[in-house]
Amino acid sequence: MFAGPERRRALCFSWLVGTGTGTLAGWSWITGLPLGGPQAWLFAHAALVSTAATLALLPSVLLAALLLRAQRVPGEAWIQGAVWALFGLLLYADTRVFALFRYHFNGMI
């Protein structure tokens, strides 16, 4: 059995909020770019949103296994909050590393 529509809606909403959080955290990645025209500006911002949405899929997929079960897990709201807080913290740390060294997290960090 699968979870009801309210839990699926909550998972989708949390992914959208994670995408927005990632977009705001990553805004500093494109602030210094020389965008020469409206097409370049639109492309850079669309790329930022799509990158944040793709990054936010990882916590969403991890939480989907927990939230889309038929039975509720005790403390699942706290688990979901902790996962998204860790996602935001990692994105913030990545923006700080990028501001200092001009590269993102990779296998060497």
C-alpha atoms as a PDB file:
ATOM      1  CA  MET A   1       0.000   0.000   0.000  1.00  0.00           C
ATOM      2  CA  PHE A   2       1.099   3.519  -0.721  1.00  0.00           C
ATOM      3  CA  ALA A   3       0.651   6.720   1.208  1.00  0.00           C
ATOM      4  CA  GLY A   4      -2.224   9.093   0.662  1.00  0.00           C
ATOM      5  CA  PRO A   5      -2.171  12.129  -1.582  1.00  0.00           C
ATOM      6  CA  GLU A   6      -1.421  14.518   1.280  1.00  0.00           C
ATOM      7  CA  ARG A   7       1.934  12.852   1.968  1.00  0.00           C
ATOM      8  CA  ARG A   8       2.854  12.840  -1.735  1.00  0.00           C
ATOM      9  CA  ARG A   9       1.874  16.506  -1.910  1.00  0.00           C
ATOM     10  CA  ALA A  10       4.034  17.235   1.148  1.00  0.00           C
ATOM     11  CA  LEU A  11       7.000  15.504  -0.484  1.00  0.00           C
ATOM     12  CA  CYS A  12       6.557  17.501  -3.711  1.00  0.00           C
ATOM     13  CA  PHE A  13       6.178  20.730  -1.747  1.00  0.00           C
ATOM     14  CA  SER A  14       9.335  20.026   0.227  1.00  0.00           C
ATOM     15  CA  TRP A  15      11.188  19.432  -3.064  1.00  0.00           C
ATOM     16  CA  LEU A  16       9.934  22.799  -4.355  1.00  0.00           C
ATOM     17  CA  VAL A  17      11.056  24.531  -1.160  1.00  0.00           C
ATOM     18  CA  GLY A  18      14.417  22.764  -1.409  1.00  0.00           C
ATOM     19  CA  THR A  19      14.713  23.987  -4.989  1.00  0.00           C
ATOM     20  CA  GLY A  20      13.984  27.540  -3.867  1.00  0.00           C
ATOM     21  CA  THR A  21      16.476  27.254  -1.028  1.00  0.00           C
ATOM     22  CA  GLY A  22      19.097  25.926  -3.408  1.00  0.00           C
ATOM     23  CA  THR A  23      18.425  28.731  -5.849  1.00  0.00           C
ATOM     24  CA  LEU A  24      18.813  31.370  -3.156  1.00  0.00           C
ATOM     25  CA  ALA A  25      21.950  29.728  -1.778  1.00  0.00           C
ATOM     26  CA  GLY A  26      23.459  29.440  -5.246  1.00  0.00           C
ATOM     27  CA  TRP A  27      22.650  32.996  -6.287  1.00  0.00           C
ATOM     28  CA  SER A  28      26.212  34.035  -5.441  1.00  0.00           C
ATOM     29  CA  TRP A  29      27.531  31.554  -8.023  1.00  0.00           C
ATOM     30  CA  ILE A  30      26.280  33.749 -10.878  1.00  0.00           C
ATOM     31  CA  THR A  31      26.486  37.245  -9.405  1.00  0.00           C
ATOM     32  CA  GLY A  32      29.965  37.902 -10.762  1.00  0.00           C
ATOM     33  CA  LEU A  33      29.368  36.523 -14.239  1.00  0.00           C
ATOM     34  CA  PRO A  34      29.578  38.933 -17.168  1.00  0.00           C
ATOM     35  CA  LEU A  35      26.115  38.430 -18.649  1.00  0.00           C
ATOM     36  CA  GLY A  36      26.063  40.331 -21.919  1.00  0.00           C
ATOM     37  CA  GLY A  37      22.398  40.619 -22.722  1.00  0.00           C
ATOM     38  CA  PRO A  38      18.964  39.400 -21.707  1.00  0.00           C
ATOM     39  CA  GLN A  39      19.413  35.981 -23.305  1.00  0.00           C
ATOM     40  CA  ALA A  40      22.564  35.288 -21.309  1.00  0.00           C
ATOM     41  CA  TRP A  41      20.863  36.544 -18.135  1.00  0.00           C
ATOM     42  CA  LEU A  42      17.856  34.292 -18.739  1.00  0.00           C
ATOM     43  CA  PHE A  43      20.039  31.290 -19.515  1.00  0.00           C
ATOM     44  CA  ALA A  44      22.193  31.748 -16.399  1.00  0.00           C
ATOM     45  CA  HIS A  45      19.182  32.016 -14.106  1.00  0.00           C
ATOM     46  CA  ALA A  46      17.355  29.109 -15.732  1.00  0.00           C
ATOM     47  CA  ALA A  47      20.518  27.024 -15.368  1.00  0.00           C
ATOM     48  CA  LEU A  48      20.734  27.967 -11.687  1.00  0.00           C
ATOM     49  CA  VAL A  49      17.137  26.927 -11.027  1.00  0.00           C
ATOM     50  CA  SER A  50      17.549  23.655 -12.923  1.00  0.00           C
ATOM     51  CA  THR A  51      20.779  22.887 -11.071  1.00  0.00           C
ATOM     52  CA  ALA A  52      19.109  23.551  -7.722  1.00  0.00           C
ATOM     53  CA  ALA A  53      16.128  21.391  -8.706  1.00  0.00           C
ATOM     54  CA  THR A  54      18.425  18.548  -9.708  1.00  0.00           C
ATOM     55  CA  LEU A  55      20.415  18.837  -6.483  1.00  0.00           C
ATOM     56  CA  ALA A  56      17.187  18.839  -4.459  1.00  0.00           C
ATOM     57  CA  LEU A  57      16.178  15.530  -6.033  1.00  0.00           C
ATOM     58  CA  LEU A  58      18.694  13.624  -3.912  1.00  0.00           C
ATOM     59  CA  PRO A  59      17.105  14.472  -0.529  1.00  0.00           C
ATOM     60  CA  SER A  60      13.653  14.018  -2.083  1.00  0.00           C
ATOM     61  CA  VAL A  61      14.442  10.515  -3.307  1.00  0.00           C
ATOM     62  CA  LEU A  62      15.934   9.607   0.066  1.00  0.00           C
ATOM     63  CA  LEU A  63      12.842  10.920   1.842  1.00  0.00           C
ATOM     64  CA  ALA A  64      10.456   9.275  -0.627  1.00  0.00           C
ATOM     65  CA  ALA A  65      11.352   5.858   0.748  1.00  0.00           C
ATOM     66  CA  LEU A  66      10.380   7.068   4.201  1.00  0.00           C
ATOM     67  CA  LEU A  67       7.371   9.255   3.439  1.00  0.00           C
ATOM     68  CA  LEU A  68       5.583   7.183   0.793  1.00  0.00           C
ATOM     69  CA  ARG A  69       5.130   4.166   3.014  1.00  0.00           C
ATOM     70  CA  ALA A  70       1.657   3.118   4.087  1.00  0.00           C
ATOM     71  CA  GLN A  71       2.563   3.281   7.775  1.00  0.00           C
ATOM     72  CA  ARG A  72       3.761   6.427   9.433  1.00  0.00           C
ATOM     73  CA  VAL A  73       7.210   6.357  10.989  1.00  0.00           C
ATOM     74  CA  PRO A  74       7.505   8.019  14.395  1.00  0.00           C
ATOM     75  CA  GLY A  75       9.357  11.293  14.062  1.00  0.00           C
ATOM     76  CA  GLU A  76       9.229  11.412  10.271  1.00  0.00           C
ATOM     77  CA  ALA A  77       8.608  15.163  10.283  1.00  0.00           C
ATOM     78  CA  TRP A  78      11.762  15.659  12.353  1.00  0.00           C
ATOM     79  CA  ILE A  79      13.706  13.392  10.006  1.00  0.00           C
ATOM     80  CA  GLN A  80      12.453  15.322   6.998  1.00  0.00           C
ATOM     81  CA  GLY A  81      13.354  18.628   8.621  1.00  0.00           C
ATOM     82  CA  ALA A  82      16.828  17.378   9.509  1.00  0.00           C
ATOM     83  CA  VAL A  83      17.479  16.123   5.962  1.00  0.00           C
ATOM     84  CA  TRP A  84      16.435  19.438   4.405  1.00  0.00           C
ATOM     85  CA  ALA A  85      18.406  21.413   6.993  1.00  0.00           C
ATOM     86  CA  LEU A  86      21.492  19.353   6.126  1.00  0.00           C
ATOM     87  CA  PHE A  87      20.831  20.015   2.424  1.00  0.00           C
ATOM     88  CA  GLY A  88      20.696  23.767   3.061  1.00  0.00           C
ATOM     89  CA  LEU A  89      23.806  23.647   5.227  1.00  0.00           C
ATOM     90  CA  LEU A  90      25.777  21.779   2.550  1.00  0.00           C
ATOM     91  CA  LEU A  91      24.694  24.259  -0.107  1.00  0.00           C
ATOM     92  CA  TYR A  92      25.694  27.160   2.111  1.00  0.00           C
ATOM     93  CA  ALA A  93      29.077  25.545   2.775  1.00  0.00           C
ATOM     94  CA  ASP A  94      29.514  25.053  -0.968  1.00  0.00           C
ATOM     95  CA  THR A  95      28.835  28.729  -1.618  1.00  0.00           C
ATOM     96  CA  ARG A  96      31.464  29.676   0.961  1.00  0.00           C
ATOM     97  CA  VAL A  97      34.010  27.283  -0.581  1.00  0.00           C
ATOM     98  CA  PHE A  98      33.166  28.679  -4.025  1.00  0.00           C
ATOM     99  CA  ALA A  99      33.588  32.249  -2.804  1.00  0.00           C
ATOM    100  CA  LEU A 100      37.024  31.447  -1.377  1.00  0.00           C
ATOM    101  CA  PHE A 101      38.509  29.079  -3.963  1.00  0.00           C
ATOM    102  CA  ARG A 102      36.239  29.482  -7.044  1.00  0.00           C
ATOM    103  CA  TYR A 103      35.333  25.787  -7.272  1.00  0.00           C
ATOM    104  CA  HIS A 104      32.534  23.646  -5.866  1.00  0.00           C
ATOM    105  CA  PHE A 105      32.613  20.569  -3.695  1.00  0.00           C
ATOM    106  CA  ASN A 106      34.146  17.618  -5.458  1.00  0.00           C
ATOM    107  CA  GLY A 107      35.805  14.339  -4.566  1.00  0.00           C
ATOM    108  CA  MET A 108      38.866  16.088  -3.191  1.00  0.00           C
ATOM    109  CA  ILE A 109      36.968  18.012  -0.484  1.00  0.00           C
END
